[in-house]
């Protein structure tokens, strides 16, 4: 009976923990394996708490949407906004901002953020002025397997244009 238990325990251990031939060695390695698993669980719990805390620091209107289109609807005439549409391999960002005639929107900062910080490939960028507002549409290609946090990106872009307009 005890041989069956030892062999069952032995079969559950990863190869990296199987050292020695005696059952005492297997029990000791099983204890080490359990301690390592507990350590990994603790690290993952800490990481989860950090992520929860960082999400709670974001504005309420960001991060609450599960839709593939994230937007602030019906902005007032003086309000700036960012709308992001996502698909499997593409991201379309619309930035609508009220900028005075003599001011220039920091488009280069936005493009730099998208390319360097977010790792996106900017494919196209178009802009036009409509009713004293500048509207920018930036299309980005998303590399295979890359996950883009649209809520966080929208929050960062909104902060960027808000800091400029302030």
N, C-alpha and C. Protein backbone atom coordinates (compact mmCIF):
# COMPACT_ATOMS: atom_id res chain seq x y z
N UNK A 1 0.82 -1.20 0.00
CA UNK A 1 0.00 0.00 0.00
C UNK A 1 0.86 1.26 0.00
N UNK A 2 1.88 1.28 0.86
CA UNK A 2 2.74 2.46 0.93
C UNK A 2 3.54 2.64 -0.36
N UNK A 3 3.88 1.53 -1.02
CA UNK A 3 4.59 1.64 -2.29
C UNK A 3 3.72 2.33 -3.34
N UNK A 4 2.43 2.04 -3.32
CA UNK A 4 1.51 2.69 -4.25
C UNK A 4 1.44 4.20 -3.97
N UNK A 5 1.40 4.57 -2.71
CA UNK A 5 1.35 5.98 -2.35
C UNK A 5 2.63 6.70 -2.77
N UNK A 6 3.78 6.07 -2.53
CA UNK A 6 5.04 6.68 -2.93
C UNK A 6 5.14 6.83 -4.45
N UNK A 7 4.70 5.80 -5.16
CA UNK A 7 4.77 5.88 -6.63
C UNK A 7 3.77 6.91 -7.16
N UNK A 8 2.64 7.04 -6.49
CA UNK A 8 1.67 8.06 -6.88
C UNK A 8 2.25 9.46 -6.65
N UNK A 9 2.88 9.64 -5.50
CA UNK A 9 3.54 10.92 -5.19
C UNK A 9 4.65 11.19 -6.19
N UNK A 10 5.42 10.20 -6.51
CA UNK A 10 6.52 10.33 -7.46
C UNK A 10 6.00 10.74 -8.83
N UNK A 11 4.86 10.20 -9.24
CA UNK A 11 4.32 10.52 -10.56
C UNK A 11 3.80 11.95 -10.64
N UNK A 12 3.46 12.56 -9.51
CA UNK A 12 2.95 13.92 -9.49
C UNK A 12 4.05 14.99 -9.50
N UNK A 13 5.26 14.60 -9.19
CA UNK A 13 6.36 15.56 -9.13
C UNK A 13 6.91 15.86 -10.51
N UNK A 14 7.19 17.15 -10.81
CA UNK A 14 7.88 17.47 -12.07
C UNK A 14 9.27 16.84 -12.07
N UNK A 15 9.79 16.58 -13.26
CA UNK A 15 11.09 15.92 -13.38
C UNK A 15 12.21 16.68 -12.67
N UNK A 16 12.11 18.01 -12.63
CA UNK A 16 13.17 18.80 -12.00
C UNK A 16 13.22 18.57 -10.49
N UNK A 17 12.15 18.01 -9.89
CA UNK A 17 12.13 17.76 -8.46
C UNK A 17 12.40 16.30 -8.11
N UNK A 18 12.55 15.47 -9.11
CA UNK A 18 12.79 14.06 -8.86
C UNK A 18 14.29 13.84 -8.72
N UNK A 19 14.71 13.68 -7.48
CA UNK A 19 16.12 13.45 -7.19
C UNK A 19 16.21 12.29 -6.20
N UNK A 20 17.13 11.44 -6.42
CA UNK A 20 17.31 10.30 -5.51
C UNK A 20 16.33 9.19 -5.82
N UNK A 21 16.61 8.04 -5.22
CA UNK A 21 15.79 6.87 -5.48
C UNK A 21 14.94 6.47 -4.29
N UNK A 22 15.25 6.98 -3.13
CA UNK A 22 14.51 6.53 -1.96
C UNK A 22 13.21 7.32 -1.79
N UNK A 23 12.28 6.70 -1.09
CA UNK A 23 11.00 7.35 -0.85
C UNK A 23 11.17 8.57 0.05
N UNK A 24 12.18 8.57 0.91
CA UNK A 24 12.44 9.75 1.76
C UNK A 24 12.85 10.94 0.89
N UNK A 25 13.66 10.67 -0.14
CA UNK A 25 14.04 11.74 -1.07
C UNK A 25 12.82 12.30 -1.78
N UNK A 26 11.90 11.43 -2.19
CA UNK A 26 10.70 11.86 -2.89
C UNK A 26 9.81 12.71 -1.99
N UNK A 27 9.69 12.32 -0.74
CA UNK A 27 8.88 13.09 0.20
C UNK A 27 9.51 14.46 0.43
N UNK A 28 10.81 14.51 0.57
CA UNK A 28 11.50 15.79 0.76
C UNK A 28 11.34 16.69 -0.47
N UNK A 29 11.48 16.12 -1.65
CA UNK A 29 11.31 16.90 -2.87
C UNK A 29 9.85 17.33 -3.06
N UNK A 30 8.92 16.50 -2.65
CA UNK A 30 7.50 16.89 -2.72
C UNK A 30 7.24 18.08 -1.80
N UNK A 31 7.84 18.07 -0.62
CA UNK A 31 7.70 19.20 0.30
C UNK A 31 8.30 20.47 -0.31
N UNK A 32 9.46 20.34 -0.95
CA UNK A 32 10.08 21.50 -1.62
C UNK A 32 9.20 22.01 -2.75
N UNK A 33 8.62 21.09 -3.49
CA UNK A 33 7.73 21.45 -4.60
C UNK A 33 6.51 22.21 -4.08
N UNK A 34 5.93 21.73 -3.00
CA UNK A 34 4.77 22.40 -2.41
C UNK A 34 5.15 23.80 -1.93
N UNK A 35 6.30 23.94 -1.31
CA UNK A 35 6.76 25.26 -0.85
C UNK A 35 6.95 26.21 -2.05
N UNK A 36 7.51 25.70 -3.13
CA UNK A 36 7.70 26.53 -4.32
C UNK A 36 6.36 26.94 -4.93
N UNK A 37 5.41 26.02 -4.94
CA UNK A 37 4.07 26.35 -5.44
C UNK A 37 3.41 27.43 -4.57
N UNK A 38 3.55 27.31 -3.27
CA UNK A 38 2.99 28.32 -2.36
C UNK A 38 3.63 29.69 -2.61
N UNK A 39 4.92 29.68 -2.84
CA UNK A 39 5.63 30.94 -3.14
C UNK A 39 5.11 31.55 -4.44
N UNK A 40 4.92 30.73 -5.46
CA UNK A 40 4.40 31.22 -6.74
C UNK A 40 2.99 31.78 -6.59
N UNK A 41 2.16 31.10 -5.80
CA UNK A 41 0.80 31.59 -5.57
C UNK A 41 0.84 32.94 -4.87
N UNK A 42 1.70 33.09 -3.89
CA UNK A 42 1.82 34.36 -3.17
C UNK A 42 2.28 35.48 -4.12
N UNK A 43 3.25 35.20 -4.97
CA UNK A 43 3.72 36.19 -5.94
C UNK A 43 2.61 36.60 -6.90
N UNK A 44 1.83 35.62 -7.37
CA UNK A 44 0.72 35.92 -8.27
C UNK A 44 -0.38 36.73 -7.58
N UNK A 45 -0.64 36.42 -6.30
CA UNK A 45 -1.62 37.20 -5.56
C UNK A 45 -1.16 38.66 -5.40
N UNK A 46 0.12 38.85 -5.11
CA UNK A 46 0.67 40.21 -4.99
C UNK A 46 0.56 40.95 -6.31
N UNK A 47 0.88 40.26 -7.39
CA UNK A 47 0.79 40.87 -8.72
C UNK A 47 -0.65 41.26 -9.04
N UNK A 48 -1.60 40.38 -8.70
CA UNK A 48 -3.01 40.67 -8.94
C UNK A 48 -3.45 41.90 -8.14
N UNK A 49 -3.02 42.01 -6.89
CA UNK A 49 -3.37 43.16 -6.07
C UNK A 49 -2.80 44.45 -6.65
N UNK A 50 -1.57 44.40 -7.15
CA UNK A 50 -0.97 45.58 -7.78
C UNK A 50 -1.78 46.00 -9.00
N UNK A 51 -2.19 45.02 -9.81
CA UNK A 51 -3.00 45.33 -10.99
C UNK A 51 -4.35 45.92 -10.60
N UNK A 52 -4.97 45.35 -9.58
CA UNK A 52 -6.25 45.89 -9.11
C UNK A 52 -6.08 47.33 -8.63
N UNK A 53 -5.02 47.59 -7.89
CA UNK A 53 -4.77 48.94 -7.39
C UNK A 53 -4.51 49.92 -8.52
N UNK A 54 -3.77 49.50 -9.54
CA UNK A 54 -3.49 50.40 -10.65
C UNK A 54 -4.75 50.68 -11.46
N UNK A 55 -5.66 49.69 -11.57
CA UNK A 55 -6.92 49.92 -12.26
C UNK A 55 -7.84 50.83 -11.46
N UNK A 56 -7.79 50.73 -10.14
CA UNK A 56 -8.65 51.57 -9.32
C UNK A 56 -8.20 53.03 -9.36
N UNK A 57 -6.95 53.28 -9.71
CA UNK A 57 -6.45 54.65 -9.82
C UNK A 57 -6.86 55.31 -11.13
N UNK A 58 -7.33 54.52 -12.10
CA UNK A 58 -7.76 55.07 -13.38
C UNK A 58 -9.13 55.71 -13.22
N UNK A 59 -9.46 56.69 -14.06
CA UNK A 59 -10.78 57.29 -14.01
C UNK A 59 -11.87 56.25 -14.22
N UNK A 60 -13.05 56.51 -13.64
CA UNK A 60 -14.14 55.54 -13.70
C UNK A 60 -14.63 55.26 -15.11
N UNK A 61 -14.59 56.26 -16.01
CA UNK A 61 -15.11 56.03 -17.34
C UNK A 61 -14.17 55.23 -18.21
N UNK A 62 -12.95 54.99 -17.72
CA UNK A 62 -11.99 54.20 -18.47
C UNK A 62 -11.87 52.85 -17.80
N UNK A 63 -11.87 51.81 -18.59
CA UNK A 63 -11.69 50.47 -18.06
C UNK A 63 -12.99 49.77 -17.73
N UNK A 64 -14.12 50.45 -17.83
CA UNK A 64 -15.37 49.81 -17.49
C UNK A 64 -16.08 49.23 -18.71
N UNK A 65 -15.59 49.53 -19.89
CA UNK A 65 -16.26 49.06 -21.10
C UNK A 65 -15.65 47.75 -21.56
N UNK A 66 -16.52 46.85 -22.02
CA UNK A 66 -16.04 45.60 -22.58
C UNK A 66 -16.25 45.58 -24.08
N UNK A 67 -16.77 46.64 -24.61
CA UNK A 67 -17.05 46.73 -26.03
C UNK A 67 -15.76 46.89 -26.81
N UNK A 68 -15.82 46.60 -28.12
CA UNK A 68 -14.64 46.80 -28.94
C UNK A 68 -14.50 48.25 -29.37
N UNK A 69 -15.51 49.08 -29.07
CA UNK A 69 -15.41 50.51 -29.34
C UNK A 69 -15.48 51.22 -28.00
N UNK A 70 -14.46 51.98 -27.71
CA UNK A 70 -14.40 52.72 -26.46
C UNK A 70 -14.51 54.18 -26.82
N UNK A 71 -15.46 54.87 -26.24
CA UNK A 71 -15.61 56.27 -26.59
C UNK A 71 -16.28 57.05 -25.48
N UNK A 72 -16.11 58.33 -25.55
CA UNK A 72 -16.84 59.25 -24.71
C UNK A 72 -17.86 59.88 -25.65
N UNK A 73 -19.13 59.69 -25.37
CA UNK A 73 -20.14 60.15 -26.30
C UNK A 73 -20.58 61.56 -25.99
N UNK A 74 -21.04 62.24 -27.03
CA UNK A 74 -21.57 63.59 -26.96
C UNK A 74 -20.69 64.57 -26.17
N UNK A 75 -19.46 64.77 -26.60
CA UNK A 75 -18.63 65.72 -25.88
C UNK A 75 -19.16 67.13 -26.10
N UNK A 76 -18.94 67.97 -25.11
CA UNK A 76 -19.35 69.36 -25.28
C UNK A 76 -18.43 70.02 -26.30
N UNK A 77 -18.79 71.20 -26.74
CA UNK A 77 -18.06 71.87 -27.80
C UNK A 77 -16.59 72.13 -27.43
N UNK A 78 -16.29 72.30 -26.15
CA UNK A 78 -14.92 72.59 -25.73
C UNK A 78 -14.20 71.36 -25.18
N UNK A 79 -14.85 70.23 -25.15
CA UNK A 79 -14.27 69.04 -24.56
C UNK A 79 -13.45 68.25 -25.59
N UNK A 80 -12.32 67.76 -25.16
CA UNK A 80 -11.50 66.90 -26.00
C UNK A 80 -11.89 65.45 -25.72
N UNK A 81 -11.78 64.60 -26.72
CA UNK A 81 -12.07 63.20 -26.47
C UNK A 81 -11.27 62.30 -27.39
N UNK A 82 -11.19 61.05 -26.97
CA UNK A 82 -10.48 60.00 -27.71
C UNK A 82 -11.44 58.84 -27.86
N UNK A 83 -11.53 58.32 -29.08
CA UNK A 83 -12.36 57.14 -29.35
C UNK A 83 -11.45 56.10 -30.00
N UNK A 84 -11.54 54.87 -29.52
CA UNK A 84 -10.69 53.80 -30.05
C UNK A 84 -11.58 52.65 -30.54
N UNK A 85 -11.33 52.24 -31.77
CA UNK A 85 -12.02 51.07 -32.34
C UNK A 85 -10.96 50.00 -32.54
N UNK A 86 -11.26 48.81 -32.08
CA UNK A 86 -10.29 47.72 -32.19
C UNK A 86 -10.84 46.59 -33.04
N UNK A 87 -9.93 45.92 -33.70
CA UNK A 87 -10.25 44.67 -34.39
C UNK A 87 -9.08 43.73 -34.12
N UNK A 88 -9.10 42.60 -34.74
CA UNK A 88 -8.07 41.59 -34.47
C UNK A 88 -6.67 42.11 -34.77
N UNK A 89 -6.51 42.77 -35.92
CA UNK A 89 -5.17 43.19 -36.32
C UNK A 89 -5.03 44.69 -36.56
N UNK A 90 -6.03 45.47 -36.14
CA UNK A 90 -5.98 46.89 -36.42
C UNK A 90 -6.60 47.68 -35.28
N UNK A 91 -6.11 48.89 -35.13
CA UNK A 91 -6.59 49.81 -34.11
C UNK A 91 -6.83 51.14 -34.79
N UNK A 92 -8.00 51.73 -34.61
CA UNK A 92 -8.28 53.05 -35.16
C UNK A 92 -8.54 53.99 -34.00
N UNK A 93 -7.76 55.06 -33.95
CA UNK A 93 -7.85 56.02 -32.86
C UNK A 93 -8.34 57.33 -33.44
N UNK A 94 -9.42 57.85 -32.87
CA UNK A 94 -9.93 59.15 -33.27
C UNK A 94 -9.72 60.11 -32.11
N UNK A 95 -9.03 61.18 -32.38
CA UNK A 95 -8.80 62.22 -31.39
C UNK A 95 -9.51 63.47 -31.87
N UNK A 96 -10.38 64.01 -31.06
CA UNK A 96 -11.13 65.20 -31.42
C UNK A 96 -10.84 66.25 -30.36
N UNK A 97 -10.26 67.35 -30.76
CA UNK A 97 -9.80 68.34 -29.80
C UNK A 97 -10.05 69.76 -30.29
N UNK A 98 -10.35 70.62 -29.36
CA UNK A 98 -10.51 72.04 -29.67
C UNK A 98 -9.17 72.72 -29.39
N UNK A 99 -8.57 73.23 -30.44
CA UNK A 99 -7.28 73.89 -30.30
C UNK A 99 -7.39 75.25 -30.96
N UNK A 100 -6.87 76.25 -30.29
CA UNK A 100 -6.89 77.61 -30.85
C UNK A 100 -6.11 77.64 -32.15
N UNK A 101 -6.43 78.61 -32.97
CA UNK A 101 -5.85 78.75 -34.31
C UNK A 101 -4.32 78.74 -34.28
N UNK A 102 -3.74 79.45 -33.32
CA UNK A 102 -2.28 79.56 -33.29
C UNK A 102 -1.59 78.37 -32.61
N UNK A 103 -2.35 77.56 -31.92
CA UNK A 103 -1.78 76.41 -31.23
C UNK A 103 -1.62 75.24 -32.19
N UNK A 104 -0.66 74.41 -31.88
CA UNK A 104 -0.47 73.19 -32.67
C UNK A 104 -0.58 72.00 -31.73
N UNK A 105 -1.39 71.07 -32.11
CA UNK A 105 -1.57 69.85 -31.32
C UNK A 105 -0.29 69.02 -31.38
N UNK A 106 0.13 68.43 -30.26
CA UNK A 106 1.38 67.66 -30.24
C UNK A 106 1.23 66.27 -30.85
N UNK A 107 0.94 66.23 -32.13
CA UNK A 107 0.74 64.95 -32.81
C UNK A 107 1.99 64.08 -32.73
N UNK A 108 3.14 64.70 -32.80
CA UNK A 108 4.38 63.91 -32.75
C UNK A 108 4.50 63.16 -31.42
N UNK A 109 4.05 63.78 -30.32
CA UNK A 109 4.09 63.09 -29.02
C UNK A 109 3.16 61.88 -29.01
N UNK A 110 1.99 62.05 -29.61
CA UNK A 110 1.02 60.96 -29.67
C UNK A 110 1.58 59.82 -30.52
N UNK A 111 2.14 60.13 -31.69
CA UNK A 111 2.69 59.09 -32.56
C UNK A 111 3.87 58.39 -31.89
N UNK A 112 4.69 59.16 -31.19
CA UNK A 112 5.82 58.57 -30.47
C UNK A 112 5.32 57.62 -29.39
N UNK A 113 4.28 58.02 -28.66
CA UNK A 113 3.71 57.17 -27.62
C UNK A 113 3.20 55.87 -28.23
N UNK A 114 2.50 55.98 -29.35
CA UNK A 114 1.93 54.79 -29.99
C UNK A 114 3.02 53.84 -30.47
N UNK A 115 4.05 54.40 -31.09
CA UNK A 115 5.09 53.55 -31.67
C UNK A 115 6.08 53.04 -30.64
N UNK A 116 6.62 53.94 -29.83
CA UNK A 116 7.68 53.52 -28.91
C UNK A 116 7.14 52.90 -27.62
N UNK A 117 6.16 53.56 -27.01
CA UNK A 117 5.66 53.07 -25.72
C UNK A 117 4.73 51.87 -25.87
N UNK A 118 3.84 51.93 -26.87
CA UNK A 118 2.84 50.88 -27.03
C UNK A 118 3.27 49.81 -28.03
N UNK A 119 4.30 50.06 -28.83
CA UNK A 119 4.78 49.08 -29.79
C UNK A 119 3.85 48.85 -30.97
N UNK A 120 3.08 49.88 -31.33
CA UNK A 120 2.15 49.76 -32.46
C UNK A 120 2.79 50.30 -33.72
N UNK A 121 2.39 49.77 -34.87
CA UNK A 121 2.87 50.24 -36.16
C UNK A 121 1.84 51.20 -36.73
N UNK A 122 2.18 52.49 -36.79
CA UNK A 122 1.26 53.48 -37.33
C UNK A 122 1.25 53.32 -38.84
N UNK A 123 0.07 53.04 -39.39
CA UNK A 123 -0.08 52.80 -40.82
C UNK A 123 -0.52 54.07 -41.54
N UNK A 124 -1.40 54.84 -40.91
CA UNK A 124 -1.97 56.00 -41.56
C UNK A 124 -2.36 57.01 -40.49
N UNK A 125 -2.23 58.28 -40.83
CA UNK A 125 -2.65 59.35 -39.95
C UNK A 125 -3.24 60.45 -40.80
N UNK A 126 -4.47 60.81 -40.52
CA UNK A 126 -5.14 61.87 -41.27
C UNK A 126 -5.76 62.84 -40.28
N UNK A 127 -5.86 64.10 -40.68
CA UNK A 127 -6.47 65.08 -39.80
C UNK A 127 -7.16 66.14 -40.63
N UNK A 128 -8.14 66.77 -40.01
CA UNK A 128 -8.84 67.87 -40.66
C UNK A 128 -9.43 68.77 -39.59
N UNK A 129 -9.74 69.99 -40.01
CA UNK A 129 -10.33 70.95 -39.09
C UNK A 129 -11.80 71.09 -39.45
N UNK A 130 -12.65 70.89 -38.45
CA UNK A 130 -14.09 70.98 -38.64
C UNK A 130 -14.67 71.80 -37.49
N UNK A 131 -15.30 72.92 -37.81
CA UNK A 131 -15.96 73.76 -36.80
C UNK A 131 -15.06 74.09 -35.60
N UNK A 132 -13.91 74.64 -35.87
CA UNK A 132 -12.97 75.05 -34.82
C UNK A 132 -12.45 73.87 -33.98
N UNK A 133 -12.50 72.69 -34.53
CA UNK A 133 -11.98 71.51 -33.85
C UNK A 133 -11.07 70.75 -34.80
N UNK A 134 -10.04 70.16 -34.26
CA UNK A 134 -9.17 69.30 -35.04
C UNK A 134 -9.58 67.86 -34.77
N UNK A 135 -9.71 67.11 -35.84
CA UNK A 135 -10.03 65.69 -35.73
C UNK A 135 -8.89 64.90 -36.38
N UNK A 136 -8.30 64.02 -35.60
CA UNK A 136 -7.21 63.16 -36.06
C UNK A 136 -7.70 61.72 -36.08
N UNK A 137 -7.38 61.01 -37.13
CA UNK A 137 -7.68 59.58 -37.21
C UNK A 137 -6.36 58.87 -37.48
N UNK A 138 -5.98 58.03 -36.55
CA UNK A 138 -4.71 57.31 -36.64
C UNK A 138 -5.02 55.83 -36.70
N UNK A 139 -4.52 55.18 -37.74
CA UNK A 139 -4.72 53.73 -37.89
C UNK A 139 -3.41 53.03 -37.60
N UNK A 140 -3.49 52.03 -36.75
CA UNK A 140 -2.30 51.27 -36.35
C UNK A 140 -2.51 49.80 -36.63
N UNK A 141 -1.44 49.15 -37.01
CA UNK A 141 -1.46 47.71 -37.21
C UNK A 141 -1.00 47.06 -35.92
N UNK A 142 -1.72 46.03 -35.49
CA UNK A 142 -1.38 45.30 -34.28
C UNK A 142 -0.70 44.01 -34.69
N UNK A 143 0.51 43.79 -34.19
CA UNK A 143 1.25 42.57 -34.52
C UNK A 143 0.51 41.35 -33.99
N UNK A 144 0.75 40.22 -34.65
CA UNK A 144 0.13 38.96 -34.24
C UNK A 144 0.44 38.67 -32.78
N UNK A 145 -0.58 38.34 -32.05
CA UNK A 145 -0.40 37.94 -30.65
C UNK A 145 -0.28 39.09 -29.67
N UNK A 146 -0.18 40.31 -30.14
CA UNK A 146 -0.03 41.45 -29.23
C UNK A 146 -1.40 41.86 -28.71
N UNK A 147 -1.51 41.95 -27.42
CA UNK A 147 -2.75 42.40 -26.80
C UNK A 147 -2.61 43.88 -26.48
N UNK A 148 -3.60 44.66 -26.89
CA UNK A 148 -3.60 46.09 -26.64
C UNK A 148 -4.70 46.39 -25.64
N UNK A 149 -4.32 47.02 -24.54
CA UNK A 149 -5.29 47.45 -23.54
C UNK A 149 -5.88 48.78 -23.98
N UNK A 150 -7.01 48.72 -24.68
CA UNK A 150 -7.62 49.92 -25.25
C UNK A 150 -8.02 50.92 -24.19
N UNK A 151 -8.48 50.44 -23.06
CA UNK A 151 -8.89 51.35 -21.99
C UNK A 151 -7.70 52.15 -21.46
N UNK A 152 -6.60 51.46 -21.24
CA UNK A 152 -5.40 52.14 -20.74
C UNK A 152 -4.86 53.10 -21.79
N UNK A 153 -4.88 52.68 -23.05
CA UNK A 153 -4.39 53.54 -24.13
C UNK A 153 -5.27 54.79 -24.24
N UNK A 154 -6.57 54.61 -24.16
CA UNK A 154 -7.47 55.76 -24.23
C UNK A 154 -7.20 56.71 -23.07
N UNK A 155 -6.99 56.17 -21.91
CA UNK A 155 -6.69 56.98 -20.72
C UNK A 155 -5.40 57.77 -20.91
N UNK A 156 -4.37 57.11 -21.41
CA UNK A 156 -3.08 57.79 -21.64
C UNK A 156 -3.21 58.89 -22.68
N UNK A 157 -3.90 58.60 -23.78
CA UNK A 157 -4.07 59.61 -24.83
C UNK A 157 -4.91 60.79 -24.33
N UNK A 158 -5.95 60.49 -23.60
CA UNK A 158 -6.79 61.56 -23.03
C UNK A 158 -5.96 62.44 -22.11
N UNK A 159 -5.13 61.84 -21.28
CA UNK A 159 -4.26 62.62 -20.40
C UNK A 159 -3.28 63.47 -21.20
N UNK A 160 -2.77 62.91 -22.28
CA UNK A 160 -1.80 63.65 -23.12
C UNK A 160 -2.45 64.88 -23.73
N UNK A 161 -3.63 64.72 -24.30
CA UNK A 161 -4.24 65.88 -24.95
C UNK A 161 -4.79 66.85 -23.90
N UNK A 162 -5.21 66.35 -22.74
CA UNK A 162 -5.69 67.24 -21.68
C UNK A 162 -4.55 68.07 -21.12
N UNK A 163 -3.38 67.47 -20.95
CA UNK A 163 -2.24 68.21 -20.43
C UNK A 163 -1.79 69.29 -21.40
N UNK A 164 -1.99 69.04 -22.67
CA UNK A 164 -1.62 70.04 -23.68
C UNK A 164 -2.61 71.19 -23.68
N UNK A 165 -3.90 70.85 -23.55
CA UNK A 165 -4.95 71.87 -23.62
C UNK A 165 -5.02 72.71 -22.36
N UNK A 166 -4.44 72.22 -21.27
CA UNK A 166 -4.53 72.95 -19.99
C UNK A 166 -3.64 74.17 -19.98
